[in-house]
N, C-alpha and C. Protein backbone atom coordinates (compact mmCIF):
# COMPACT_ATOMS: atom_id res chain seq x y z
N MET A 1 -38.33 12.62 10.17
CA MET A 1 -38.57 14.04 10.29
C MET A 1 -39.16 14.65 9.09
N PRO A 2 -38.56 14.30 7.83
CA PRO A 2 -39.09 14.96 6.59
C PRO A 2 -40.58 14.81 6.46
N GLU A 3 -41.10 13.59 6.89
CA GLU A 3 -42.53 13.28 6.68
C GLU A 3 -43.37 14.30 7.41
N GLN A 4 -42.80 14.63 8.73
CA GLN A 4 -43.48 15.54 9.56
C GLN A 4 -43.42 17.05 8.93
N ILE A 5 -42.45 17.26 8.26
CA ILE A 5 -42.29 18.70 7.69
C ILE A 5 -43.36 18.68 6.53
N VAL A 6 -43.41 17.60 5.71
CA VAL A 6 -44.39 17.52 4.55
C VAL A 6 -45.78 17.72 5.08
N THR A 7 -46.17 17.24 6.14
CA THR A 7 -47.60 17.30 6.72
C THR A 7 -47.77 18.73 7.25
N HIS A 8 -46.80 19.50 7.64
CA HIS A 8 -47.05 20.91 8.08
C HIS A 8 -46.50 21.94 7.06
N VAL A 9 -46.27 21.61 5.86
CA VAL A 9 -45.68 22.41 4.84
C VAL A 9 -46.45 23.77 4.73
N LEU A 10 -47.74 23.66 4.69
CA LEU A 10 -48.62 24.81 4.49
C LEU A 10 -48.38 25.74 5.65
N SER A 11 -48.39 25.39 6.80
CA SER A 11 -48.37 26.15 8.07
C SER A 11 -46.99 26.62 8.23
N LEU A 12 -45.85 26.23 7.54
CA LEU A 12 -44.56 26.72 7.89
C LEU A 12 -44.20 28.06 7.24
N GLY A 13 -44.81 28.33 6.12
CA GLY A 13 -44.58 29.53 5.31
C GLY A 13 -43.18 29.58 4.85
N VAL A 14 -42.96 30.50 3.90
CA VAL A 14 -41.69 30.63 3.28
C VAL A 14 -40.43 30.58 4.18
N SER A 15 -40.52 31.47 5.04
CA SER A 15 -39.44 31.46 6.01
C SER A 15 -39.08 30.25 6.77
N GLY A 16 -40.23 29.59 7.23
CA GLY A 16 -40.15 28.29 7.80
C GLY A 16 -39.49 27.25 6.87
N LEU A 17 -39.92 27.17 5.53
CA LEU A 17 -39.41 26.28 4.73
C LEU A 17 -37.88 26.61 4.46
N LEU A 18 -37.64 27.96 4.30
CA LEU A 18 -36.08 28.18 4.12
C LEU A 18 -35.39 27.69 5.26
N PHE A 19 -35.75 27.97 6.45
CA PHE A 19 -35.16 27.43 7.57
C PHE A 19 -34.94 25.91 7.64
N VAL A 20 -35.93 25.26 7.35
CA VAL A 20 -35.86 23.74 7.27
C VAL A 20 -34.77 23.32 6.29
N MET A 21 -34.80 24.00 5.00
CA MET A 21 -33.93 23.57 3.99
C MET A 21 -32.55 23.96 4.49
N TRP A 22 -32.29 25.11 5.09
CA TRP A 22 -30.99 25.46 5.71
C TRP A 22 -30.59 24.40 6.67
N TRP A 23 -31.53 23.90 7.64
CA TRP A 23 -31.17 23.13 8.62
C TRP A 23 -30.62 21.63 8.01
N PHE A 24 -31.43 21.19 7.02
CA PHE A 24 -31.00 19.89 6.42
C PHE A 24 -29.76 20.10 5.67
N GLU A 25 -29.49 21.15 5.06
CA GLU A 25 -28.17 21.45 4.30
C GLU A 25 -27.00 21.49 5.32
N ARG A 26 -27.17 22.03 6.52
CA ARG A 26 -26.22 22.11 7.61
C ARG A 26 -26.01 20.84 8.06
N GLN A 27 -26.99 20.00 8.35
CA GLN A 27 -26.81 18.57 8.79
C GLN A 27 -26.01 17.86 7.80
N GLU A 28 -26.45 18.01 6.53
CA GLU A 28 -25.61 17.26 5.47
C GLU A 28 -24.08 17.64 5.36
N ARG A 29 -23.89 18.99 5.62
CA ARG A 29 -22.65 19.46 5.63
C ARG A 29 -21.86 18.86 6.76
N MET A 30 -22.41 18.87 7.89
CA MET A 30 -21.74 18.34 9.13
C MET A 30 -21.33 16.95 8.95
N ARG A 31 -22.27 16.05 8.32
CA ARG A 31 -22.03 14.69 8.02
C ARG A 31 -20.85 14.53 7.14
N ASN A 32 -20.84 15.34 6.13
CA ASN A 32 -19.86 15.24 5.06
C ASN A 32 -18.58 15.72 5.47
N SER A 33 -18.61 16.79 6.48
CA SER A 33 -17.21 17.14 6.92
C SER A 33 -16.60 16.14 7.92
N THR A 34 -17.56 15.45 8.74
CA THR A 34 -17.07 14.36 9.60
C THR A 34 -16.56 13.21 8.79
N ALA A 35 -17.18 12.89 7.64
CA ALA A 35 -16.60 11.80 6.70
C ALA A 35 -15.43 12.22 6.11
N VAL A 36 -15.13 13.46 5.83
CA VAL A 36 -13.98 13.82 5.33
C VAL A 36 -12.82 13.81 6.32
N ARG A 37 -13.10 14.25 7.49
CA ARG A 37 -12.13 14.20 8.52
C ARG A 37 -11.70 12.67 8.81
N ASP A 38 -12.72 11.77 8.81
CA ASP A 38 -12.42 10.53 9.05
C ASP A 38 -11.55 9.97 7.79
N ALA A 39 -11.97 10.28 6.59
CA ALA A 39 -11.24 9.77 5.52
C ALA A 39 -9.73 10.41 5.59
N ASP A 40 -9.65 11.48 5.94
CA ASP A 40 -8.18 12.14 6.14
C ASP A 40 -7.39 11.40 7.16
N ALA A 41 -8.07 11.13 8.31
CA ALA A 41 -7.34 10.45 9.41
C ALA A 41 -6.96 9.09 8.97
N TYR A 42 -7.85 8.30 8.17
CA TYR A 42 -7.51 7.04 7.90
C TYR A 42 -6.41 7.09 6.68
N ALA A 43 -6.40 8.07 5.82
CA ALA A 43 -5.25 8.11 4.89
C ALA A 43 -4.02 8.45 5.55
N GLY A 44 -4.01 9.20 6.66
CA GLY A 44 -2.93 9.49 7.41
C GLY A 44 -2.33 8.20 8.07
N ARG A 45 -3.17 7.55 8.59
CA ARG A 45 -2.69 6.16 9.31
C ARG A 45 -2.28 5.25 8.24
N LEU A 46 -2.91 5.10 7.15
CA LEU A 46 -2.53 4.25 5.99
C LEU A 46 -1.19 4.71 5.40
N THR A 47 -0.90 5.96 5.26
CA THR A 47 0.37 6.55 4.83
C THR A 47 1.52 6.19 5.84
N GLN A 48 1.21 6.28 6.98
CA GLN A 48 2.18 6.04 8.05
C GLN A 48 2.57 4.48 8.07
N VAL A 49 1.50 3.64 7.90
CA VAL A 49 1.69 2.26 7.90
C VAL A 49 2.49 1.79 6.64
N ASN A 50 2.16 2.41 5.49
CA ASN A 50 2.92 2.13 4.36
C ASN A 50 4.36 2.49 4.44
N GLU A 51 4.65 3.59 5.04
CA GLU A 51 6.02 4.12 5.36
C GLU A 51 6.76 3.17 6.29
N GLN A 52 6.13 2.65 7.25
CA GLN A 52 6.74 1.61 7.98
C GLN A 52 7.03 0.33 7.51
N VAL A 53 6.08 -0.18 6.59
CA VAL A 53 6.25 -1.30 5.81
C VAL A 53 7.38 -1.06 4.69
N LEU A 54 7.50 0.06 4.13
CA LEU A 54 8.51 0.19 3.15
C LEU A 54 9.99 0.32 3.93
N ASP A 55 9.96 0.89 5.09
CA ASP A 55 11.27 0.78 5.91
C ASP A 55 11.63 -0.46 6.30
N VAL A 56 10.74 -1.33 6.72
CA VAL A 56 11.11 -2.75 7.10
C VAL A 56 11.53 -3.54 5.87
N LEU A 57 10.88 -3.41 4.70
CA LEU A 57 11.25 -3.98 3.46
C LEU A 57 12.53 -3.64 3.09
N GLN A 58 12.98 -2.27 3.14
CA GLN A 58 14.33 -1.77 2.81
C GLN A 58 15.27 -2.40 3.68
N ALA A 59 15.03 -2.44 5.09
CA ALA A 59 16.02 -2.94 5.98
C ALA A 59 16.26 -4.52 5.65
N ASN A 60 15.18 -5.26 5.39
CA ASN A 60 15.30 -6.59 5.16
C ASN A 60 16.05 -6.77 3.91
N THR A 61 15.81 -6.04 2.75
CA THR A 61 16.57 -6.15 1.62
C THR A 61 18.02 -5.82 1.84
N GLU A 62 18.29 -4.86 2.60
CA GLU A 62 19.67 -4.57 2.93
C GLU A 62 20.41 -5.68 3.57
N ALA A 63 19.66 -6.18 4.41
CA ALA A 63 20.17 -7.49 5.43
C ALA A 63 20.30 -8.59 4.49
N LEU A 64 19.48 -8.88 3.49
CA LEU A 64 19.57 -10.07 2.66
C LEU A 64 20.85 -9.85 1.73
N VAL A 65 21.11 -8.63 1.27
CA VAL A 65 22.16 -8.31 0.42
C VAL A 65 23.53 -8.51 1.20
N GLY A 66 23.48 -8.06 2.31
CA GLY A 66 24.69 -8.28 3.24
C GLY A 66 24.95 -9.85 3.56
N LEU A 67 23.75 -10.53 3.89
CA LEU A 67 23.91 -12.01 3.96
C LEU A 67 24.42 -12.74 2.78
N ARG A 68 24.03 -12.22 1.59
CA ARG A 68 24.43 -12.87 0.37
C ARG A 68 25.87 -12.55 0.20
N GLU A 69 26.38 -11.45 0.23
CA GLU A 69 27.69 -11.08 0.29
C GLU A 69 28.57 -11.87 1.27
N GLU A 70 28.11 -11.98 2.49
CA GLU A 70 28.81 -12.80 3.41
C GLU A 70 28.89 -14.34 2.92
N LEU A 71 27.82 -14.73 2.44
CA LEU A 71 27.91 -16.17 1.99
C LEU A 71 28.80 -16.35 0.85
N ARG A 72 28.88 -15.44 -0.11
CA ARG A 72 29.84 -15.50 -1.15
C ARG A 72 31.27 -15.48 -0.76
N THR A 73 31.54 -14.56 0.23
CA THR A 73 32.91 -14.41 0.86
C THR A 73 33.12 -15.84 1.46
N SER A 74 32.25 -16.33 2.14
CA SER A 74 32.55 -17.57 2.93
C SER A 74 32.79 -18.73 1.98
N ARG A 75 32.04 -18.85 0.98
CA ARG A 75 32.29 -19.82 -0.12
C ARG A 75 33.56 -19.69 -0.68
N ALA A 76 33.89 -18.53 -1.10
CA ALA A 76 35.21 -18.22 -1.72
C ALA A 76 36.42 -18.63 -0.79
N PHE A 77 36.35 -18.34 0.61
CA PHE A 77 37.22 -18.68 1.49
C PHE A 77 37.35 -20.24 1.58
N GLU A 78 36.03 -20.81 1.64
CA GLU A 78 36.08 -22.20 1.91
C GLU A 78 36.67 -22.95 0.66
N ARG A 79 36.41 -22.59 -0.53
CA ARG A 79 37.00 -23.06 -1.88
C ARG A 79 38.48 -22.95 -1.82
N GLU A 80 38.99 -21.70 -1.45
CA GLU A 80 40.30 -21.48 -1.38
C GLU A 80 41.14 -22.36 -0.25
N TRP A 81 40.51 -22.53 0.88
CA TRP A 81 40.89 -23.36 1.88
C TRP A 81 41.01 -24.85 1.43
N ARG A 82 40.09 -25.35 0.79
CA ARG A 82 40.03 -26.69 0.21
C ARG A 82 41.27 -26.83 -0.78
N GLU A 83 41.26 -25.90 -1.72
CA GLU A 83 42.54 -26.00 -2.69
C GLU A 83 43.76 -25.96 -2.14
N ARG A 84 44.02 -25.19 -1.02
CA ARG A 84 45.32 -25.15 -0.37
C ARG A 84 45.46 -26.46 0.32
N LEU A 85 44.47 -26.95 0.99
CA LEU A 85 44.58 -28.33 1.71
C LEU A 85 44.83 -29.39 0.77
N SER A 86 44.25 -29.45 -0.37
CA SER A 86 44.47 -30.37 -1.37
C SER A 86 45.76 -30.28 -1.88
N ARG A 87 46.30 -29.16 -2.26
CA ARG A 87 47.72 -28.95 -2.66
C ARG A 87 48.80 -29.45 -1.65
N HIS A 88 48.41 -29.06 -0.32
CA HIS A 88 49.25 -29.54 0.73
C HIS A 88 49.32 -30.97 0.91
N LEU A 89 48.18 -31.58 0.69
CA LEU A 89 48.10 -33.22 0.82
C LEU A 89 48.87 -33.74 -0.29
N GLU A 90 48.85 -33.12 -1.58
CA GLU A 90 49.49 -33.57 -2.75
C GLU A 90 51.03 -33.53 -2.38
N ARG A 91 51.42 -32.40 -2.00
CA ARG A 91 52.79 -32.26 -1.67
C ARG A 91 53.39 -33.29 -0.70
N LEU A 92 52.52 -33.55 0.51
CA LEU A 92 52.87 -34.44 1.45
C LEU A 92 52.88 -35.89 0.81
N GLY A 93 52.14 -36.21 -0.12
CA GLY A 93 52.06 -37.52 -0.58
C GLY A 93 53.26 -37.65 -1.64
N GLU A 94 53.71 -36.58 -2.04
CA GLU A 94 54.98 -36.79 -2.99
C GLU A 94 56.28 -36.73 -2.22
N THR A 95 56.32 -36.51 -1.05
CA THR A 95 57.52 -36.52 -0.26
C THR A 95 57.97 -37.97 -0.01
N PRO A 96 59.26 -38.20 -0.57
CA PRO A 96 59.72 -39.60 -0.37
C PRO A 96 59.78 -40.14 0.92
N GLN A 97 60.04 -39.40 2.03
CA GLN A 97 60.19 -39.84 3.29
C GLN A 97 58.90 -40.40 3.89
N LEU A 98 57.80 -39.73 3.49
CA LEU A 98 56.46 -40.27 3.91
C LEU A 98 56.10 -41.42 3.25
N ARG A 99 56.53 -41.78 2.00
CA ARG A 99 56.06 -42.93 1.30
C ARG A 99 56.78 -44.09 2.07
N LYS A 100 57.98 -43.97 2.46
CA LYS A 100 58.78 -45.09 3.06
C LYS A 100 58.12 -45.35 4.52
N ALA A 101 57.63 -44.37 5.21
CA ALA A 101 57.04 -44.53 6.50
C ALA A 101 55.77 -45.14 6.42
N ALA A 102 55.00 -44.89 5.35
CA ALA A 102 53.60 -45.42 5.26
C ALA A 102 53.74 -47.08 5.03
N PRO A 103 53.00 -47.78 5.75
CA PRO A 103 53.07 -49.34 5.62
C PRO A 103 52.39 -49.71 4.25
């Protein structure tokens, strides 16, 4: 279209040229406003996805902390249980009645 305008530039006159310039500027503004709206929409979606990812990461981190604490508790209980069992077996081994009964 600009090539056609250039060929008819002399016949347009000043008001015609001003109109054409206004028209092109309007078209450019419309394209830019559409691009800005698209960029804003994309930024909004990206922000929403980032928030969801951060929520998932936080939930997973909290779950891992809970599991780690549960594992520590379980290991401590298991260690205590083994120590008690070991002491109990030692006491049973020291009992004179059991020594005589054993072949």
